[in-house]
Amino acid sequence: MLLIKQLKLLVHPKAVWSQSYGGKKVDDQLLGNVLAFCFIYFATIAFIAMALSFCELDLVTAVTGAATAVANVGPGLGSIIGPAGNFSTLPDAAKWWLSLGMLMGRLEILTLLILFTPSYWRY
């Protein structure tokens, strides 16, 4: 929806396009908020996957472990945490990172990030 609007704006830069979903107008601020959440969600997965790779896990295990932790869904892929494996053989540091990812996915990422901003605690 937003991609189509941006492509149309490349062809017709002075045109005014309104977004609609289900017959109702969707404002650009809402779309920006959704895109920001998606970016933060995938950046969280990437950050945790990078931290897991520093725990000497292979790329598939690190990325799918981070994704399964943040999304709070089934097993990851790979020989260690795949459908036939489990998380018990992971190093303790990796378990801590995965626990943080699970908390962030369960309690909402933006809510936890707001708790660490100084402006939240001023009021």
Protein backbone atom coordinates (compact mmCIF):
# COMPACT_ATOMS: atom_id res chain seq x y z
CA MET A 1 0.00 0.00 0.00
CA LEU A 2 2.67 2.51 1.00
CA LEU A 3 5.08 1.17 -1.62
CA ILE A 4 2.51 1.67 -4.38
CA LYS A 5 1.93 5.25 -3.20
CA GLN A 6 5.67 5.97 -3.25
CA LEU A 7 6.01 4.51 -6.75
CA LYS A 8 3.14 6.67 -7.97
CA LEU A 9 4.77 9.73 -6.38
CA LEU A 10 7.97 9.01 -8.31
CA VAL A 11 6.03 9.17 -11.56
CA HIS A 12 3.77 12.07 -10.53
CA PRO A 13 5.60 14.06 -7.80
CA LYS A 14 2.93 16.79 -7.47
CA ALA A 15 -0.06 14.46 -7.25
CA VAL A 16 -2.02 13.98 -4.05
CA TRP A 17 -2.72 10.35 -3.22
CA SER A 18 -4.78 9.23 -0.26
CA GLN A 19 -4.28 5.85 1.35
CA SER A 20 -7.32 3.77 2.16
CA TYR A 21 -7.87 0.45 3.83
CA GLY A 22 -11.28 -1.19 4.01
CA GLY A 23 -12.82 1.91 2.43
CA LYS A 24 -11.50 4.22 5.16
CA LYS A 25 -8.74 6.78 4.79
CA VAL A 26 -5.44 5.98 6.51
CA ASP A 27 -3.28 8.96 7.38
CA ASP A 28 0.45 9.09 6.75
CA GLN A 29 1.31 9.34 10.46
CA LEU A 30 -0.25 5.94 11.12
CA LEU A 31 1.70 4.42 8.24
CA GLY A 32 4.88 6.00 9.58
CA ASN A 33 4.21 4.51 13.01
CA VAL A 34 3.69 1.05 11.52
CA LEU A 35 6.91 1.33 9.52
CA ALA A 36 8.82 2.51 12.60
CA PHE A 37 7.55 -0.46 14.62
CA CYS A 38 8.52 -2.89 11.82
CA PHE A 39 11.99 -1.36 11.64
CA ILE A 40 12.51 -1.58 15.42
CA TYR A 41 11.16 -5.15 15.45
CA PHE A 42 13.59 -6.37 12.79
CA ALA A 43 16.44 -4.30 14.24
CA THR A 44 15.85 -6.05 17.57
CA ILE A 45 16.05 -9.44 15.88
CA ALA A 46 19.23 -8.37 14.07
CA PHE A 47 20.82 -7.06 17.29
CA ILE A 48 20.06 -10.25 19.21
CA ALA A 49 21.26 -12.37 16.28
CA MET A 50 24.52 -10.42 16.27
CA ALA A 51 24.90 -10.94 20.02
CA LEU A 52 24.25 -14.66 19.54
CA SER A 53 26.87 -14.85 16.82
CA PHE A 54 29.39 -13.47 19.33
CA CYS A 55 28.49 -16.49 21.47
CA GLU A 56 30.04 -18.60 18.70
CA LEU A 57 26.76 -19.79 17.16
CA ASP A 58 26.46 -20.29 13.43
CA LEU A 59 24.47 -17.79 11.34
CA VAL A 60 21.37 -19.96 10.89
CA THR A 61 21.15 -20.75 14.59
CA ALA A 62 21.74 -17.12 15.60
CA VAL A 63 19.19 -15.57 13.23
CA THR A 64 16.45 -18.15 13.70
CA GLY A 65 17.05 -18.29 17.45
CA ALA A 66 16.66 -14.52 17.68
CA ALA A 67 13.56 -14.57 15.50
CA THR A 68 11.93 -17.38 17.46
CA ALA A 69 12.71 -15.65 20.75
CA VAL A 70 11.36 -12.22 19.79
CA ALA A 71 8.33 -13.61 17.96
CA ASN A 72 7.66 -16.16 20.75
CA VAL A 73 7.09 -18.98 18.27
CA GLY A 74 8.35 -22.55 17.87
CA PRO A 75 11.86 -23.86 17.38
CA GLY A 76 14.54 -22.31 15.25
CA LEU A 77 16.49 -23.91 12.46
CA GLY A 78 19.85 -25.56 12.44
CA SER A 79 21.38 -28.56 14.11
CA ILE A 80 21.35 -27.12 17.65
CA ILE A 81 17.91 -25.54 18.09
CA GLY A 82 16.10 -27.15 15.17
CA PRO A 83 12.92 -29.21 15.50
CA ALA A 84 14.93 -32.19 16.77
CA GLY A 85 17.10 -30.11 19.13
CA ASN A 86 16.59 -27.78 22.06
CA PHE A 87 18.12 -24.75 23.71
CA SER A 88 19.78 -26.62 26.59
CA THR A 89 23.15 -26.99 24.84
CA LEU A 90 23.53 -23.27 24.16
CA PRO A 91 26.07 -21.26 26.16
CA ASP A 92 24.73 -19.35 29.17
CA ALA A 93 25.33 -15.98 27.51
CA ALA A 94 23.22 -17.05 24.53
CA LYS A 95 20.41 -18.11 26.87
CA TRP A 96 20.50 -14.67 28.51
CA TRP A 97 20.27 -12.95 25.12
CA LEU A 98 17.39 -15.20 24.09
CA SER A 99 15.64 -14.50 27.41
CA LEU A 100 15.95 -10.77 26.76
CA GLY A 101 14.52 -11.31 23.28
CA MET A 102 11.61 -13.29 24.71
CA LEU A 103 10.85 -10.54 27.22
CA MET A 104 11.01 -7.88 24.53
CA GLY A 105 8.71 -9.86 22.27
CA ARG A 106 6.24 -10.68 25.01
CA LEU A 107 6.11 -7.28 26.75
CA GLU A 108 6.27 -5.25 23.53
CA ILE A 109 9.50 -3.77 22.27
CA LEU A 110 8.44 -0.12 22.23
CA THR A 111 7.11 -0.30 25.79
CA LEU A 112 10.44 -1.56 27.09
CA LEU A 113 12.40 0.98 25.06
CA ILE A 114 10.29 3.83 26.44
CA LEU A 115 11.18 2.75 29.99
CA PHE A 116 14.84 3.48 29.21
CA THR A 117 14.30 7.02 27.89
CA PRO A 118 15.05 9.85 30.33
CA SER A 119 12.06 11.91 29.19
CA TYR A 120 9.69 9.19 30.42
CA TRP A 121 10.93 9.54 33.99
CA ARG A 122 10.80 13.37 34.11
CA TYR A 123 7.04 13.61 34.52
